Amino acid sequence: MSSETGSDITGEEASALDTGVPHVARVYNYWLGGTDNFAADRAAGEQAMRAFPAIALSARSNRAFLARAVNYLAGEAGIRQFLDIGTGIPSANNTHQVAQAAAPEARVVYVDYDPIVLRHAQRLLAGSSEGHTSYIEADLRDPARIIEGAAGTLDLGQPVAVMLLAILQHIGDEEDPYQIVDTLMGALAPGSYLTISHPASDIDAEAMAKMAAALNRTMAEKVTFRDRDAVARFFAGLDVAEPGLVQASKWRPASEEEANRPAALWAGVAARKR
């Protein structure tokens, strides 16, 4: 941000924030080159970058994966409904923009537990006239509330694509993230899809461990990075689309250059069997 309040956060909103505590959405915004962040967020982001210098490039690779995955889902897979959980602060190539470019009638529900993030979304994420875009304030730890809220916009009798990009690392093993994902997918129609990206503990393992330690020292939202086998468990019982669970930059890249970009995340797309 050019100031401590920033152009997209009102004075009333800023006064409600503890700007001295870094927040995951604003740190991620900083890594993406955005301006919706405060000094504490930038300091936390820089500390993580010292531990893992490629984190900003990895964050951009994650964003590029989102666009490719949504293009696949709205195009080849024919999905017209999206449930994007852990929205974060809007950036380029948001889910509704990619989906509605391919299918203007697509319906998208964004979910985040941070009311400031959702105020950004309501101001900046305007959908197509043919489709519909809405927002829910809810925590991934409460999947029943998410499903109940999503039913106001989405037809849960028809397939839905659930987007969980760089969010599951904030659910510790003791909170049973696998059950949370099972609950979400179990409430949706056969033919629904699950899309996940997850920071990897076994790609650039030493640097990623240092970055996780740095984030856990500075941020209220703790992280648990997972190896490929642990991430693959989220897709148990689903049909995983080609090329399977791979490094995010290597999931259907548009070019060799894109495939070779740094990406310390596992990523994949899978369908609930019909």
Protein backbone atom coordinates (compact mmCIF):
# COMPACT_ATOMS: atom_id res chain seq x y z
CA MET A 1 0.00 0.00 0.00
CA SER A 2 1.10 3.51 -0.64
CA SER A 3 -0.15 4.44 2.82
CA GLU A 4 -0.92 2.60 6.02
CA THR A 5 -4.61 2.52 5.16
CA GLY A 6 -4.32 1.96 1.42
CA SER A 7 -6.59 3.01 -1.40
CA ASP A 8 -8.95 0.03 -1.20
CA ILE A 9 -9.50 -0.05 2.57
CA THR A 10 -11.69 2.66 4.04
CA GLY A 11 -10.79 4.54 7.19
CA GLU A 12 -13.58 2.72 9.05
CA GLU A 13 -12.26 -0.67 7.92
CA ALA A 14 -8.68 0.21 8.78
CA SER A 15 -9.66 1.29 12.28
CA ALA A 16 -11.18 -2.18 12.83
CA LEU A 17 -7.94 -3.91 11.81
CA ASP A 18 -4.96 -4.75 13.96
CA THR A 19 -2.52 -3.61 11.30
CA GLY A 20 0.46 -4.56 13.47
CA VAL A 21 -0.34 -8.26 13.03
CA PRO A 22 0.37 -9.79 9.61
CA HIS A 23 -2.56 -11.47 7.90
CA VAL A 24 -2.22 -14.33 5.44
CA ALA A 25 -4.36 -12.74 2.70
CA ARG A 26 -2.40 -9.49 2.82
CA VAL A 27 0.98 -11.27 2.92
CA TYR A 28 -0.04 -13.30 -0.12
CA ASN A 29 -1.17 -10.07 -1.80
CA TYR A 30 2.31 -8.66 -1.15
CA TRP A 31 3.98 -11.70 -2.73
CA LEU A 32 1.79 -11.22 -5.81
CA GLY A 33 2.94 -7.62 -6.10
CA GLY A 34 -0.33 -6.14 -4.84
CA THR A 35 -0.84 -3.00 -2.77
CA ASP A 36 -3.45 -4.17 -0.26
CA ASN A 37 -1.03 -4.83 2.61
CA PHE A 38 0.47 -3.11 5.63
CA ALA A 39 3.98 -2.78 7.02
CA ALA A 40 3.57 -5.86 9.24
CA ASP A 41 2.43 -7.92 6.25
CA ARG A 42 5.39 -6.79 4.18
CA ALA A 43 7.79 -7.56 7.02
CA ALA A 44 6.36 -11.08 7.40
CA GLY A 45 6.47 -11.56 3.64
CA GLU A 46 10.09 -10.44 3.46
CA GLN A 47 11.06 -12.74 6.34
CA ALA A 48 9.51 -15.68 4.52
CA MET A 49 11.26 -14.64 1.31
CA ARG A 50 14.62 -14.65 3.08
CA ALA A 51 13.96 -18.26 4.09
CA PHE A 52 12.61 -19.23 0.64
CA PRO A 53 13.53 -16.62 -1.99
CA ALA A 54 11.30 -18.21 -4.65
CA ILE A 55 8.06 -17.76 -2.67
CA ALA A 56 6.86 -14.78 -4.74
CA LEU A 57 7.40 -16.72 -7.97
CA SER A 58 5.73 -19.74 -6.39
CA ALA A 59 2.71 -17.61 -5.46
CA ARG A 60 2.44 -16.42 -9.04
CA SER A 61 2.67 -20.02 -10.28
CA ASN A 62 -0.19 -20.89 -7.96
CA ARG A 63 -2.26 -18.07 -9.43
CA ALA A 64 -1.49 -19.28 -12.94
CA PHE A 65 -2.55 -22.80 -11.94
CA LEU A 66 -5.91 -21.41 -10.80
CA ALA A 67 -6.51 -19.91 -14.24
CA ARG A 68 -5.55 -23.10 -16.07
CA ALA A 69 -7.64 -25.28 -13.77
CA VAL A 70 -10.74 -23.08 -14.09
CA ASN A 71 -10.30 -22.98 -17.88
CA TYR A 72 -10.22 -26.78 -17.89
CA LEU A 73 -13.25 -27.06 -15.60
CA ALA A 74 -15.39 -24.53 -17.48
CA GLY A 75 -14.23 -25.81 -20.87
CA GLU A 76 -13.38 -29.48 -21.19
CA ALA A 77 -15.20 -30.59 -18.02
CA GLY A 78 -18.30 -28.45 -18.68
CA ILE A 79 -18.63 -27.17 -15.12
CA ARG A 80 -20.87 -24.13 -14.63
CA GLN A 81 -20.75 -23.77 -10.83
CA PHE A 82 -17.72 -22.89 -8.68
CA LEU A 83 -17.22 -22.72 -4.92
CA ASP A 84 -13.96 -20.88 -4.24
CA ILE A 85 -12.99 -21.22 -0.57
CA GLY A 86 -10.25 -19.03 0.84
CA THR A 87 -10.79 -16.29 -1.71
CA GLY A 88 -8.08 -13.94 -0.51
CA ILE A 89 -7.76 -10.37 -1.71
CA PRO A 90 -8.82 -10.09 -5.37
CA SER A 91 -6.03 -10.15 -7.94
CA ALA A 92 -5.84 -10.84 -11.67
CA ASN A 93 -7.55 -13.88 -13.19
CA ASN A 94 -10.02 -14.45 -10.39
CA THR A 95 -12.17 -17.58 -10.60
CA HIS A 96 -15.31 -15.84 -11.88
CA GLN A 97 -13.38 -13.91 -14.53
CA VAL A 98 -11.81 -17.05 -15.97
CA ALA A 99 -14.97 -19.15 -15.67
CA GLN A 100 -17.32 -16.54 -17.13
CA ALA A 101 -14.94 -15.77 -19.98
CA ALA A 102 -15.36 -19.39 -21.04
CA ALA A 103 -19.00 -19.74 -19.95
CA PRO A 104 -20.75 -16.41 -19.24
CA GLU A 105 -23.57 -18.20 -17.42
CA ALA A 106 -21.22 -19.68 -14.81
CA ARG A 107 -22.14 -19.12 -11.17
CA VAL A 108 -19.42 -18.51 -8.59
CA VAL A 109 -19.55 -18.35 -4.79
CA TYR A 110 -16.52 -16.95 -2.98
CA VAL A 111 -15.89 -17.89 0.65
CA ASP A 112 -13.54 -16.28 3.16
CA TYR A 113 -13.63 -15.86 6.93
CA ASP A 114 -12.15 -12.35 6.86
CA PRO A 115 -14.84 -9.63 6.49
CA ILE A 116 -12.27 -7.20 5.07
CA VAL A 117 -11.41 -9.65 2.29
CA LEU A 118 -15.09 -10.04 1.50
CA ARG A 119 -15.61 -6.27 1.36
CA HIS A 120 -12.81 -6.13 -1.20
CA ALA A 121 -14.52 -8.94 -3.11
CA GLN A 122 -17.92 -7.25 -3.10
CA ARG A 123 -16.39 -4.05 -4.49
CA LEU A 124 -14.05 -5.59 -7.05
CA LEU A 125 -15.44 -8.94 -8.18
CA ALA A 126 -18.32 -8.10 -10.49
CA GLY A 127 -19.55 -11.06 -12.49
CA SER A 128 -21.07 -11.27 -15.95
CA SER A 129 -24.67 -10.26 -16.57
CA GLU A 130 -25.51 -13.84 -17.61
CA GLY A 131 -23.90 -15.52 -14.61
CA HIS A 132 -23.91 -14.79 -10.91
CA THR A 133 -21.22 -14.07 -8.32
CA SER A 134 -21.82 -14.04 -4.57
CA TYR A 135 -19.87 -14.10 -1.32
CA ILE A 136 -20.09 -15.96 2.00
CA GLU A 137 -18.33 -15.10 5.23
CA ALA A 138 -17.40 -18.53 6.62
CA ASP A 139 -14.44 -20.57 7.81
CA LEU A 140 -13.25 -23.70 6.01
CA ARG A 141 -13.42 -25.40 9.41
CA ASP A 142 -17.23 -25.16 9.18
CA PRO A 143 -18.03 -26.94 5.90
CA ALA A 144 -21.72 -27.35 6.79
CA ARG A 145 -22.12 -23.57 6.99
CA ILE A 146 -20.34 -23.17 3.65
CA ILE A 147 -22.62 -25.67 1.94
CA GLU A 148 -25.72 -24.07 3.45
CA GLY A 149 -24.63 -20.63 2.27
CA ALA A 150 -23.61 -21.81 -1.19
CA ALA A 151 -27.04 -23.34 -1.73
CA GLY A 152 -28.44 -19.81 -1.99
CA THR A 153 -26.59 -19.33 -5.30
CA LEU A 154 -25.63 -22.79 -6.55
CA ASP A 155 -27.81 -25.74 -7.50
CA LEU A 156 -26.23 -28.46 -5.39
CA GLY A 157 -28.11 -31.09 -7.37
CA GLN A 158 -25.78 -30.25 -10.26
CA PRO A 159 -21.96 -30.56 -10.34
CA VAL A 160 -19.91 -27.94 -8.53
CA ALA A 161 -16.15 -27.32 -8.69
CA VAL A 162 -14.68 -26.75 -5.23
CA MET A 163 -11.53 -24.63 -5.31
CA LEU A 164 -9.13 -25.01 -2.35
CA LEU A 165 -6.04 -23.16 -3.48
CA ALA A 166 -3.26 -22.60 -0.96
CA ILE A 167 -5.70 -22.80 1.96
CA LEU A 168 -5.52 -26.31 3.42
CA GLN A 169 -2.10 -25.64 4.92
CA HIS A 170 -3.88 -23.46 7.47
CA ILE A 171 -5.82 -26.48 8.78
CA GLY A 172 -3.60 -28.44 11.17
CA ASP A 173 -3.59 -32.23 11.24
CA GLU A 174 -5.31 -32.15 14.64
CA GLU A 175 -8.28 -30.40 12.97
CA ASP A 176 -8.71 -33.29 10.49
CA PRO A 177 -8.54 -31.46 7.15
CA TYR A 178 -9.37 -34.70 5.32
CA GLN A 179 -12.75 -34.93 7.04
CA ILE A 180 -13.44 -31.30 6.17
CA VAL A 181 -12.81 -31.99 2.48
CA ASP A 182 -14.84 -35.22 2.62
CA THR A 183 -17.77 -33.31 4.13
CA LEU A 184 -17.65 -30.69 1.38
CA MET A 185 -17.45 -33.17 -1.45
CA GLY A 186 -20.01 -35.51 0.11
CA ALA A 187 -22.60 -32.73 0.02
CA LEU A 188 -22.19 -32.20 -3.72
CA ALA A 189 -23.60 -34.00 -6.73
CA PRO A 190 -21.69 -36.75 -8.52
CA GLY A 191 -19.58 -35.22 -11.26
CA SER A 192 -18.44 -32.41 -8.97
CA TYR A 193 -14.76 -31.53 -8.93
CA LEU A 194 -12.14 -30.83 -6.29
CA THR A 195 -9.21 -28.55 -7.15
CA ILE A 196 -6.34 -28.27 -4.67
CA SER A 197 -2.99 -26.57 -4.49
CA HIS A 198 -0.96 -27.07 -1.33
CA PRO A 199 2.49 -25.87 -0.24
CA ALA A 200 4.90 -28.79 -0.37
CA SER A 201 7.15 -29.98 2.41
CA ASP A 202 9.11 -32.16 -0.03
CA ILE A 203 9.90 -29.63 -2.79
CA ASP A 204 12.93 -27.51 -1.80
CA ALA A 205 12.37 -29.18 1.55
CA GLU A 206 14.99 -27.34 3.61
CA ALA A 207 13.98 -23.88 2.41
CA MET A 208 10.27 -24.66 2.76
CA ALA A 209 10.81 -25.83 6.34
CA LYS A 210 12.59 -22.56 7.11
CA MET A 211 9.78 -20.56 5.52
CA ALA A 212 7.11 -22.46 7.48
CA ALA A 213 9.00 -21.73 10.69
CA ALA A 214 9.25 -18.05 9.77
CA LEU A 215 5.53 -17.79 9.02
CA ASN A 216 4.59 -19.62 12.20
CA ARG A 217 6.68 -17.19 14.24
CA THR A 218 5.14 -14.08 12.74
CA MET A 219 1.55 -14.89 11.76
CA ALA A 220 -1.57 -15.75 13.70
CA GLU A 221 -2.62 -18.23 10.98
CA LYS A 222 -0.24 -21.17 11.38
CA VAL A 223 0.83 -23.36 8.46
CA THR A 224 1.36 -27.08 7.99
CA PHE A 225 3.13 -27.87 4.74
CA ARG A 226 2.57 -31.44 3.48
CA ASP A 227 4.35 -33.90 1.23
CA ARG A 228 2.92 -35.34 -1.96
CA ASP A 229 1.47 -38.46 -0.31
CA ALA A 230 -0.32 -36.37 2.32
CA VAL A 231 -1.80 -34.07 -0.33
CA ALA A 232 -2.84 -37.05 -2.46
CA ARG A 233 -5.00 -38.26 0.44
CA PHE A 234 -7.39 -35.37 -0.18
CA PHE A 235 -8.24 -36.97 -3.54
CA ALA A 236 -8.96 -40.44 -2.13
CA GLY A 237 -11.95 -41.98 -3.90
CA LEU A 238 -11.99 -39.35 -6.66
CA ASP A 239 -11.01 -39.64 -10.32
CA VAL A 240 -7.87 -37.53 -10.71
CA ALA A 241 -7.58 -35.72 -14.03
CA GLU A 242 -4.39 -35.90 -16.07
CA PRO A 243 -1.56 -35.22 -15.43
CA GLY A 244 -2.38 -36.21 -11.84
CA LEU A 245 -1.02 -34.58 -8.71
CA VAL A 246 2.02 -32.62 -9.86
CA GLN A 247 4.01 -29.50 -9.13
CA ALA A 248 1.63 -26.59 -9.75
CA SER A 249 3.59 -25.17 -12.69
CA LYS A 250 3.50 -28.58 -14.40
CA TRP A 251 -0.29 -28.98 -14.36
CA ARG A 252 -1.22 -28.52 -18.03
CA PRO A 253 1.21 -25.64 -18.63
CA ALA A 254 0.75 -23.45 -21.66
CA SER A 255 4.46 -23.55 -22.49
CA GLU A 256 7.76 -25.10 -21.49
CA GLU A 257 8.69 -21.80 -19.89
CA GLU A 258 5.60 -21.91 -17.70
CA ALA A 259 6.28 -25.53 -16.76
CA ASN A 260 9.76 -24.63 -15.54
CA ARG A 261 8.70 -21.76 -13.29
CA PRO A 262 9.33 -22.22 -9.54
CA ALA A 263 6.34 -23.69 -7.73
CA ALA A 264 6.74 -25.27 -4.31
CA LEU A 265 3.17 -26.54 -4.34
CA TRP A 266 1.44 -29.79 -5.23
CA ALA A 267 -1.64 -29.29 -7.39
CA GLY A 268 -4.35 -31.39 -8.92
CA VAL A 269 -7.96 -31.61 -10.09
CA ALA A 270 -10.25 -34.58 -9.48
CA ALA A 271 -13.89 -35.51 -10.06
CA ARG A 272 -16.39 -37.15 -7.76
CA LYS A 273 -17.44 -40.30 -9.56
CA ARG A 274 -20.77 -40.26 -11.32
